[in-house]
């Protein structure tokens, strides 16, 4: 049983989810997601999305979380490394 490919329209619909009208009971709790880290990167991403449903709007316990990204060429990985360097006093 294969995983259906996510289309651009699917991603746009997920990004457009409104935090104020989201039904917390219908959202997946990110704490329940377990991704097999042995999978290749593309398959890990597909596994994560298939489990979470909407990676832009989900629950963390009682809290509804909505994420978005600024229009930039900087990747999330680069931002996280920058953050960790700043927190650890490394440059």
PDB file of N, CA and C in Angstrom:
ATOM      1  N   UNK A   1       0.853  -1.180   0.000  1.00  0.00           N
ATOM      2  CA  UNK A   1       0.000   0.000   0.000  1.00  0.00           C
ATOM      3  C   UNK A   1       0.890   1.231   0.000  1.00  0.00           C
ATOM      4  N   UNK A   2       0.926   2.001  -1.091  1.00  0.00           N
ATOM      5  CA  UNK A   2       1.790   3.162  -1.215  1.00  0.00           C
ATOM      6  C   UNK A   2       1.175   4.404  -0.607  1.00  0.00           C
ATOM      7  N   UNK A   3       2.029   5.386  -0.358  1.00  0.00           N
ATOM      8  CA  UNK A   3       1.587   6.666   0.165  1.00  0.00           C
ATOM      9  C   UNK A   3       1.276   7.575  -1.013  1.00  0.00           C
ATOM     10  N   UNK A   4       0.119   8.237  -0.963  1.00  0.00           N
ATOM     11  CA  UNK A   4      -0.268   9.161  -2.025  1.00  0.00           C
ATOM     12  C   UNK A   4       0.653  10.367  -2.013  1.00  0.00           C
ATOM     13  N   UNK A   5       1.086  10.804  -3.188  1.00  0.00           N
ATOM     14  CA  UNK A   5       1.972  11.961  -3.302  1.00  0.00           C
ATOM     15  C   UNK A   5       1.213  13.224  -2.890  1.00  0.00           C
ATOM     16  N   UNK A   6       1.907  14.100  -2.196  1.00  0.00           N
ATOM     17  CA  UNK A   6       1.333  15.378  -1.779  1.00  0.00           C
ATOM     18  C   UNK A   6       1.495  16.363  -2.933  1.00  0.00           C
ATOM     19  N   UNK A   7       0.398  16.993  -3.334  1.00  0.00           N
ATOM     20  CA  UNK A   7       0.438  17.950  -4.439  1.00  0.00           C
ATOM     21  C   UNK A   7       0.680  19.361  -3.905  1.00  0.00           C
ATOM     22  N   UNK A   8       0.987  20.265  -4.810  1.00  0.00           N
ATOM     23  CA  UNK A   8       1.146  21.675  -4.449  1.00  0.00           C
ATOM     24  C   UNK A   8      -0.150  22.203  -3.854  1.00  0.00           C
ATOM     25  N   UNK A   9      -1.275  21.780  -4.414  1.00  0.00           N
ATOM     26  CA  UNK A   9      -2.578  22.214  -3.896  1.00  0.00           C
ATOM     27  C   UNK A   9      -2.792  21.702  -2.477  1.00  0.00           C
ATOM     28  N   UNK A  10      -2.365  20.473  -2.207  1.00  0.00           N
ATOM     29  CA  UNK A  10      -2.470  19.923  -0.853  1.00  0.00           C
ATOM     30  C   UNK A  10      -1.677  20.784   0.127  1.00  0.00           C
ATOM     31  N   UNK A  11      -0.439  21.119  -0.258  1.00  0.00           N
ATOM     32  CA  UNK A  11       0.420  21.919   0.622  1.00  0.00           C
ATOM     33  C   UNK A  11      -0.170  23.302   0.853  1.00  0.00           C
ATOM     34  N   UNK A  12      -0.705  23.921  -0.184  1.00  0.00           N
ATOM     35  CA  UNK A  12      -1.315  25.240  -0.040  1.00  0.00           C
ATOM     36  C   UNK A  12      -2.527  25.184   0.880  1.00  0.00           C
ATOM     37  N   UNK A  13      -3.318  24.125   0.758  1.00  0.00           N
ATOM     38  CA  UNK A  13      -4.497  23.958   1.617  1.00  0.00           C
ATOM     39  C   UNK A  13      -4.069  23.784   3.069  1.00  0.00           C
ATOM     40  N   UNK A  14      -3.025  22.971   3.286  1.00  0.00           N
ATOM     41  CA  UNK A  14      -2.538  22.755   4.646  1.00  0.00           C
ATOM     42  C   UNK A  14      -1.982  24.044   5.241  1.00  0.00           C
ATOM     43  N   UNK A  15      -1.234  24.806   4.450  1.00  0.00           N
ATOM     44  CA  UNK A  15      -0.671  26.069   4.931  1.00  0.00           C
ATOM     45  C   UNK A  15      -1.751  27.074   5.279  1.00  0.00           C
ATOM     46  N   UNK A  16      -2.874  27.011   4.577  1.00  0.00           N
ATOM     47  CA  UNK A  16      -3.952  27.973   4.776  1.00  0.00           C
ATOM     48  C   UNK A  16      -4.821  27.656   5.996  1.00  0.00           C
ATOM     49  N   UNK A  17      -4.574  26.560   6.671  1.00  0.00           N
ATOM     50  CA  UNK A  17      -5.383  26.190   7.845  1.00  0.00           C
ATOM     51  C   UNK A  17      -5.404  27.355   8.835  1.00  0.00           C
ATOM     52  N   UNK A  18      -6.572  27.644   9.371  1.00  0.00           N
ATOM     53  CA  UNK A  18      -6.749  28.762  10.300  1.00  0.00           C
ATOM     54  C   UNK A  18      -6.710  28.256  11.735  1.00  0.00           C
ATOM     55  N   UNK A  19      -5.758  28.737  12.474  1.00  0.00           N
ATOM     56  CA  UNK A  19      -5.578  28.359  13.882  1.00  0.00           C
ATOM     57  C   UNK A  19      -6.839  28.627  14.694  1.00  0.00           C
ATOM     58  N   UNK A  20      -7.526  29.722  14.386  1.00  0.00           N
ATOM     59  CA  UNK A  20      -8.706  30.122  15.180  1.00  0.00           C
ATOM     60  C   UNK A  20      -9.904  29.222  14.965  1.00  0.00           C
ATOM     61  N   UNK A  21      -9.959  28.554  13.819  1.00  0.00           N
ATOM     62  CA  UNK A  21     -11.118  27.708  13.535  1.00  0.00           C
ATOM     63  C   UNK A  21     -10.781  26.217  13.532  1.00  0.00           C
ATOM     64  N   UNK A  22      -9.524  25.889  13.815  1.00  0.00           N
ATOM     65  CA  UNK A  22      -9.108  24.478  13.822  1.00  0.00           C
ATOM     66  C   UNK A  22      -9.807  23.726  14.952  1.00  0.00           C
ATOM     67  N   UNK A  23     -10.254  22.525  14.671  1.00  0.00           N
ATOM     68  CA  UNK A  23     -10.874  21.665  15.672  1.00  0.00           C
ATOM     69  C   UNK A  23      -9.777  20.853  16.356  1.00  0.00           C
ATOM     70  N   UNK A  24      -9.433  21.192  17.610  1.00  0.00           N
ATOM     71  CA  UNK A  24      -8.350  20.479  18.297  1.00  0.00           C
ATOM     72  C   UNK A  24      -8.543  18.966  18.327  1.00  0.00           C
ATOM     73  N   UNK A  25      -9.780  18.521  18.400  1.00  0.00           N
ATOM     74  CA  UNK A  25     -10.056  17.089  18.436  1.00  0.00           C
ATOM     75  C   UNK A  25      -9.747  16.376  17.134  1.00  0.00           C
ATOM     76  N   UNK A  26      -9.700  17.132  16.047  1.00  0.00           N
ATOM     77  CA  UNK A  26      -9.429  16.539  14.746  1.00  0.00           C
ATOM     78  C   UNK A  26      -7.949  16.580  14.377  1.00  0.00           C
ATOM     79  N   UNK A  27      -7.152  17.302  15.178  1.00  0.00           N
ATOM     80  CA  UNK A  27      -5.725  17.438  14.885  1.00  0.00           C
ATOM     81  C   UNK A  27      -4.922  16.343  15.569  1.00  0.00           C
ATOM     82  N   UNK A  28      -3.834  15.923  14.926  1.00  0.00           N
ATOM     83  CA  UNK A  28      -2.939  14.923  15.511  1.00  0.00           C
ATOM     84  C   UNK A  28      -2.018  15.594  16.526  1.00  0.00           C
ATOM     85  N   UNK A  29      -1.698  14.877  17.581  1.00  0.00           N
ATOM     86  CA  UNK A  29      -0.753  15.357  18.593  1.00  0.00           C
ATOM     87  C   UNK A  29       0.655  14.967  18.149  1.00  0.00           C
ATOM     88  N   UNK A  30       1.506  15.951  17.998  1.00  0.00           N
ATOM     89  CA  UNK A  30       2.855  15.702  17.495  1.00  0.00           C
ATOM     90  C   UNK A  30       3.648  14.770  18.411  1.00  0.00           C
ATOM     91  N   UNK A  31       3.270  14.698  19.686  1.00  0.00           N
ATOM     92  CA  UNK A  31       3.979  13.817  20.610  1.00  0.00           C
ATOM     93  C   UNK A  31       3.730  12.340  20.297  1.00  0.00           C
ATOM     94  N   UNK A  32       2.689  12.058  19.510  1.00  0.00           N
ATOM     95  CA  UNK A  32       2.366  10.677  19.142  1.00  0.00           C
ATOM     96  C   UNK A  32       3.021  10.228  17.840  1.00  0.00           C
ATOM     97  N   UNK A  33       3.756  11.128  17.197  1.00  0.00           N
ATOM     98  CA  UNK A  33       4.375  10.829  15.910  1.00  0.00           C
ATOM     99  C   UNK A  33       5.734  10.178  16.128  1.00  0.00           C
ATOM    100  N   UNK A  34       5.949   9.066  15.464  1.00  0.00           N
ATOM    101  CA  UNK A  34       7.232   8.356  15.516  1.00  0.00           C
ATOM    102  C   UNK A  34       7.692   8.077  14.098  1.00  0.00           C
ATOM    103  N   UNK A  35       8.750   8.764  13.696  1.00  0.00           N
ATOM    104  CA  UNK A  35       9.285   8.610  12.344  1.00  0.00           C
ATOM    105  C   UNK A  35      10.509   7.707  12.400  1.00  0.00           C
ATOM    106  N   UNK A  36      10.561   6.763  11.486  1.00  0.00           N
ATOM    107  CA  UNK A  36      11.693   5.844  11.395  1.00  0.00           C
ATOM    108  C   UNK A  36      12.886   6.599  10.818  1.00  0.00           C
ATOM    109  N   UNK A  37      13.861   6.920  11.651  1.00  0.00           N
ATOM    110  CA  UNK A  37      15.019   7.703  11.225  1.00  0.00           C
ATOM    111  C   UNK A  37      15.959   6.917  10.314  1.00  0.00           C
ATOM    112  N   UNK A  38      15.739   5.629  10.175  1.00  0.00           N
ATOM    113  CA  UNK A  38      16.563   4.818   9.267  1.00  0.00           C
ATOM    114  C   UNK A  38      16.118   4.975   7.812  1.00  0.00           C
ATOM    115  N   UNK A  39      14.938   5.546   7.607  1.00  0.00           N
ATOM    116  CA  UNK A  39      14.445   5.745   6.246  1.00  0.00           C
ATOM    117  C   UNK A  39      15.218   6.868   5.561  1.00  0.00           C
ATOM    118  N   UNK A  40      15.280   6.841   4.227  1.00  0.00           N
ATOM    119  CA  UNK A  40      15.874   7.964   3.497  1.00  0.00           C
ATOM    120  C   UNK A  40      15.059   9.240   3.756  1.00  0.00           C
ATOM    121  N   UNK A  41      15.676  10.399   3.573  1.00  0.00           N
ATOM    122  CA  UNK A  41      15.063  11.690   3.901  1.00  0.00           C
ATOM    123  C   UNK A  41      13.671  11.856   3.293  1.00  0.00           C
ATOM    124  N   UNK A  42      13.518  11.590   2.004  1.00  0.00           N
ATOM    125  CA  UNK A  42      12.218  11.770   1.344  1.00  0.00           C
ATOM    126  C   UNK A  42      11.157  10.878   1.979  1.00  0.00           C
ATOM    127  N   UNK A  43      11.507   9.654   2.292  1.00  0.00           N
ATOM    128  CA  UNK A  43      10.551   8.733   2.913  1.00  0.00           C
ATOM    129  C   UNK A  43      10.227   9.150   4.347  1.00  0.00           C
ATOM    130  N   UNK A  44      11.208   9.700   5.063  1.00  0.00           N
ATOM    131  CA  UNK A  44      10.944  10.215   6.414  1.00  0.00           C
ATOM    132  C   UNK A  44       9.933  11.350   6.362  1.00  0.00           C
ATOM    133  N   UNK A  45      10.099  12.246   5.390  1.00  0.00           N
ATOM    134  CA  UNK A  45       9.157  13.358   5.247  1.00  0.00           C
ATOM    135  C   UNK A  45       7.760  12.838   4.925  1.00  0.00           C
ATOM    136  N   UNK A  46       7.670  11.881   4.018  1.00  0.00           N
ATOM    137  CA  UNK A  46       6.368  11.308   3.672  1.00  0.00           C
ATOM    138  C   UNK A  46       5.746  10.603   4.870  1.00  0.00           C
ATOM    139  N   UNK A  47       6.568   9.888   5.633  1.00  0.00           N
ATOM    140  CA  UNK A  47       6.098   9.192   6.826  1.00  0.00           C
ATOM    141  C   UNK A  47       5.559  10.196   7.845  1.00  0.00           C
ATOM    142  N   UNK A  48       6.298  11.278   8.060  1.00  0.00           N
ATOM    143  CA  UNK A  48       5.870  12.308   9.002  1.00  0.00           C
ATOM    144  C   UNK A  48       4.538  12.910   8.579  1.00  0.00           C
ATOM    145  N   UNK A  49       4.423  13.307   7.311  1.00  0.00           N
ATOM    146  CA  UNK A  49       3.190  13.933   6.832  1.00  0.00           C
ATOM    147  C   UNK A  49       2.018  12.956   6.893  1.00  0.00           C
ATOM    148  N   UNK A  50       2.264  11.686   6.565  1.00  0.00           N
ATOM    149  CA  UNK A  50       1.169  10.712   6.619  1.00  0.00           C
ATOM    150  C   UNK A  50       0.677  10.514   8.053  1.00  0.00           C
ATOM    151  N   UNK A  51       1.566  10.664   9.035  1.00  0.00           N
ATOM    152  CA  UNK A  51       1.160  10.511  10.430  1.00  0.00           C
ATOM    153  C   UNK A  51       0.528  11.780  11.009  1.00  0.00           C
ATOM    154  N   UNK A  52       1.104  12.943  10.710  1.00  0.00           N
ATOM    155  CA  UNK A  52       0.638  14.194  11.324  1.00  0.00           C
ATOM    156  C   UNK A  52      -0.586  14.757  10.608  1.00  0.00           C
ATOM    157  N   UNK A  53      -0.747  14.410   9.334  1.00  0.00           N
ATOM    158  CA  UNK A  53      -1.874  14.953   8.575  1.00  0.00           C
ATOM    159  C   UNK A  53      -1.527  16.311   7.996  1.00  0.00           C
ATOM    160  N   UNK A  54      -1.445  17.325   8.843  1.00  0.00           N
ATOM    161  CA  UNK A  54      -1.093  18.667   8.399  1.00  0.00           C
ATOM    162  C   UNK A  54       0.133  19.124   9.189  1.00  0.00           C
ATOM    163  N   UNK A  55       1.292  19.205   8.549  1.00  0.00           N
ATOM    164  CA  UNK A  55       2.495  19.608   9.280  1.00  0.00           C
ATOM    165  C   UNK A  55       2.510  21.088   9.660  1.00  0.00           C
ATOM    166  N   UNK A  56       1.550  21.862   9.164  1.00  0.00           N
ATOM    167  CA  UNK A  56       1.481  23.287   9.475  1.00  0.00           C
ATOM    168  C   UNK A  56       0.533  23.595  10.624  1.00  0.00           C
ATOM    169  N   UNK A  57      -0.336  22.651  10.953  1.00  0.00           N
ATOM    170  CA  UNK A  57      -1.316  22.877  12.024  1.00  0.00           C
ATOM    171  C   UNK A  57      -1.578  21.540  12.719  1.00  0.00           C
ATOM    172  N   UNK A  58      -1.191  21.460  13.977  1.00  0.00           N
ATOM    173  CA  UNK A  58      -1.312  20.212  14.732  1.00  0.00           C
ATOM    174  C   UNK A  58      -1.436  20.552  16.216  1.00  0.00           C
ATOM    175  N   UNK A  59      -1.551  19.547  17.035  1.00  0.00           N
ATOM    176  CA  UNK A  59      -1.627  19.749  18.486  1.00  0.00           C
ATOM    177  C   UNK A  59      -0.334  19.347  19.165  1.00  0.00           C
ATOM    178  N   UNK A  60      -0.087  19.974  20.289  1.00  0.00           N
ATOM    179  CA  UNK A  60       0.933  19.541  21.245  1.00  0.00           C
ATOM    180  C   UNK A  60       0.209  19.558  22.574  1.00  0.00           C
ATOM    181  N   UNK A  61      -0.315  18.392  22.960  1.00  0.00           N
ATOM    182  CA  UNK A  61      -1.149  18.334  24.159  1.00  0.00           C
ATOM    183  C   UNK A  61      -2.433  19.114  23.934  1.00  0.00           C
ATOM    184  N   UNK A  62      -2.726  20.050  24.839  1.00  0.00           N
ATOM    185  CA  UNK A  62      -3.942  20.850  24.737  1.00  0.00           C
ATOM    186  C   UNK A  62      -3.780  22.053  23.815  1.00  0.00           C
ATOM    187  N   UNK A  63      -2.579  22.279  23.324  1.00  0.00           N
ATOM    188  CA  UNK A  63      -2.302  23.467  22.514  1.00  0.00           C
ATOM    189  C   UNK A  63      -2.367  23.166  21.022  1.00  0.00           C
ATOM    190  N   UNK A  64      -3.013  24.054  20.276  1.00  0.00           N
ATOM    191  CA  UNK A  64      -3.016  23.973  18.825  1.00  0.00           C
ATOM    192  C   UNK A  64      -1.835  24.801  18.339  1.00  0.00           C
ATOM    193  N   UNK A  65      -1.021  24.211  17.473  1.00  0.00           N
ATOM    194  CA  UNK A  65       0.191  24.849  16.968  1.00  0.00           C
ATOM    195  C   UNK A  65       0.014  25.116  15.477  1.00  0.00           C
ATOM    196  N   UNK A  66       0.341  26.335  15.059  1.00  0.00           N
ATOM    197  CA  UNK A  66       0.324  26.707  13.634  1.00  0.00           C
ATOM    198  C   UNK A  66       1.706  27.245  13.311  1.00  0.00           C
ATOM    199  N   UNK A  67       2.366  26.659  12.319  1.00  0.00           N
ATOM    200  CA  UNK A  67       3.690  27.142  11.944  1.00  0.00           C
ATOM    201  C   UNK A  67       3.656  27.700  10.532  1.00  0.00           C
ATOM    202  N   UNK A  68       4.561  28.628  10.288  1.00  0.00           N
ATOM    203  CA  UNK A  68       4.736  29.173   8.945  1.00  0.00           C
ATOM    204  C   UNK A  68       6.190  29.591   8.815  1.00  0.00           C
ATOM    205  N   UNK A  69       6.596  29.832   7.599  1.00  0.00           N
ATOM    206  CA  UNK A  69       7.978  30.170   7.324  1.00  0.00           C
ATOM    207  C   UNK A  69       8.041  31.473   6.561  1.00  0.00           C
ATOM    208  N   UNK A  70       9.050  32.274   6.873  1.00  0.00           N
ATOM    209  CA  UNK A  70       9.277  33.514   6.145  1.00  0.00           C
ATOM    210  C   UNK A  70       9.751  33.182   4.735  1.00  0.00           C
ATOM    211  N   UNK A  71       9.512  34.091   3.835  1.00  0.00           N
ATOM    212  CA  UNK A  71       9.971  33.917   2.458  1.00  0.00           C
ATOM    213  C   UNK A  71      11.472  34.192   2.424  1.00  0.00           C
ATOM    214  N   UNK A  72      12.259  33.133   2.472  1.00  0.00           N
ATOM    215  CA  UNK A  72      13.711  33.261   2.537  1.00  0.00           C
ATOM    216  C   UNK A  72      14.371  32.058   1.877  1.00  0.00           C
ATOM    217  N   UNK A  73      15.613  32.221   1.524  1.00  0.00           N
ATOM    218  CA  UNK A  73      16.375  31.101   0.977  1.00  0.00           C
ATOM    219  C   UNK A  73      17.059  30.302   2.079  1.00  0.00           C
ATOM    220  N   UNK A  74      17.007  30.790   3.307  1.00  0.00           N
ATOM    221  CA  UNK A  74      17.622  30.111   4.444  1.00  0.00           C
ATOM    222  C   UNK A  74      16.777  28.902   4.824  1.00  0.00           C
ATOM    223  N   UNK A  75      17.414  27.754   4.999  1.00  0.00           N
ATOM    224  CA  UNK A  75      16.688  26.536   5.351  1.00  0.00           C
ATOM    225  C   UNK A  75      16.442  26.468   6.853  1.00  0.00           C
ATOM    226  N   UNK A  76      15.505  25.631   7.240  1.00  0.00           N
ATOM    227  CA  UNK A  76      15.231  25.416   8.654  1.00  0.00           C
ATOM    228  C   UNK A  76      16.476  24.880   9.354  1.00  0.00           C
ATOM    229  N   UNK A  77      17.188  23.973   8.686  1.00  0.00           N
ATOM    230  CA  UNK A  77      18.413  23.421   9.272  1.00  0.00           C
ATOM    231  C   UNK A  77      19.433  24.528   9.551  1.00  0.00           C
ATOM    232  N   UNK A  78      19.590  25.464   8.610  1.00  0.00           N
ATOM    233  CA  UNK A  78      20.526  26.574   8.808  1.00  0.00           C
ATOM    234  C   UNK A  78      20.096  27.456   9.974  1.00  0.00           C
ATOM    235  N   UNK A  79      18.790  27.706  10.088  1.00  0.00           N
ATOM    236  CA  UNK A  79      18.273  28.513  11.209  1.00  0.00           C
ATOM    237  C   UNK A  79      18.519  27.807  12.546  1.00  0.00           C
ATOM    238  N   UNK A  80      18.289  26.505  12.580  1.00  0.00           N
ATOM    239  CA  UNK A  80      18.491  25.756  13.823  1.00  0.00           C
ATOM    240  C   UNK A  80      19.958  25.755  14.223  1.00  0.00           C
ATOM    241  N   UNK A  81      20.859  25.566  13.257  1.00  0.00           N
ATOM    242  CA  UNK A  81      22.289  25.607  13.561  1.00  0.00           C
ATOM    243  C   UNK A  81      22.693  26.980  14.086  1.00  0.00           C
ATOM    244  N   UNK A  82      22.191  28.021  13.469  1.00  0.00           N
ATOM    245  CA  UNK A  82      22.461  29.387  13.911  1.00  0.00           C
ATOM    246  C   UNK A  82      21.970  29.607  15.336  1.00  0.00           C
ATOM    247  N   UNK A  83      20.767  29.121  15.621  1.00  0.00           N
ATOM    248  CA  UNK A  83      20.187  29.244  16.951  1.00  0.00           C
ATOM    249  C   UNK A  83      21.043  28.503  17.992  1.00  0.00           C
ATOM    250  N   UNK A  84      21.421  27.274  17.662  1.00  0.00           N
ATOM    251  CA  UNK A  84      22.207  26.477  18.611  1.00  0.00           C
ATOM    252  C   UNK A  84      23.582  27.110  18.848  1.00  0.00           C
ATOM    253  N   UNK A  85      24.188  27.650  17.801  1.00  0.00           N
ATOM    254  CA  UNK A  85      25.477  28.320  17.966  1.00  0.00           C
ATOM    255  C   UNK A  85      25.332  29.535  18.894  1.00  0.00           C
ATOM    256  N   UNK A  86      24.255  30.286  18.708  1.00  0.00           N
ATOM    257  CA  UNK A  86      24.029  31.471  19.538  1.00  0.00           C
ATOM    258  C   UNK A  86      23.772  31.083  20.990  1.00  0.00           C
ATOM    259  N   UNK A  87      23.021  30.002  21.209  1.00  0.00           N
ATOM    260  CA  UNK A  87      22.719  29.552  22.583  1.00  0.00           C
ATOM    261  C   UNK A  87      23.960  28.992  23.281  1.00  0.00           C
ATOM    262  N   UNK A  88      24.858  28.391  22.514  1.00  0.00           N
ATOM    263  CA  UNK A  88      26.062  27.793  23.085  1.00  0.00           C
ATOM    264  C   UNK A  88      27.243  28.743  23.099  1.00  0.00           C
ATOM    265  N   UNK A  89      27.057  29.947  22.602  1.00  0.00           N
ATOM    266  CA  UNK A  89      28.133  30.929  22.580  1.00  0.00           C
ATOM    267  C   UNK A  89      29.145  30.673  21.502  1.00  0.00           C
ATOM    268  N   UNK A  90      28.840  29.808  20.560  1.00  0.00           N
ATOM    269  CA  UNK A  90      29.770  29.517  19.456  1.00  0.00           C
ATOM    270  C   UNK A  90      29.374  30.375  18.263  1.00  0.00           C
ATOM    271  N   UNK A  91      30.330  30.712  17.450  1.00  0.00           N
ATOM    272  CA  UNK A  91      30.032  31.493  16.249  1.00  0.00           C
ATOM    273  C   UNK A  91      30.398  30.741  15.019  1.00  0.00           C
TER     274      UNK A  91
END
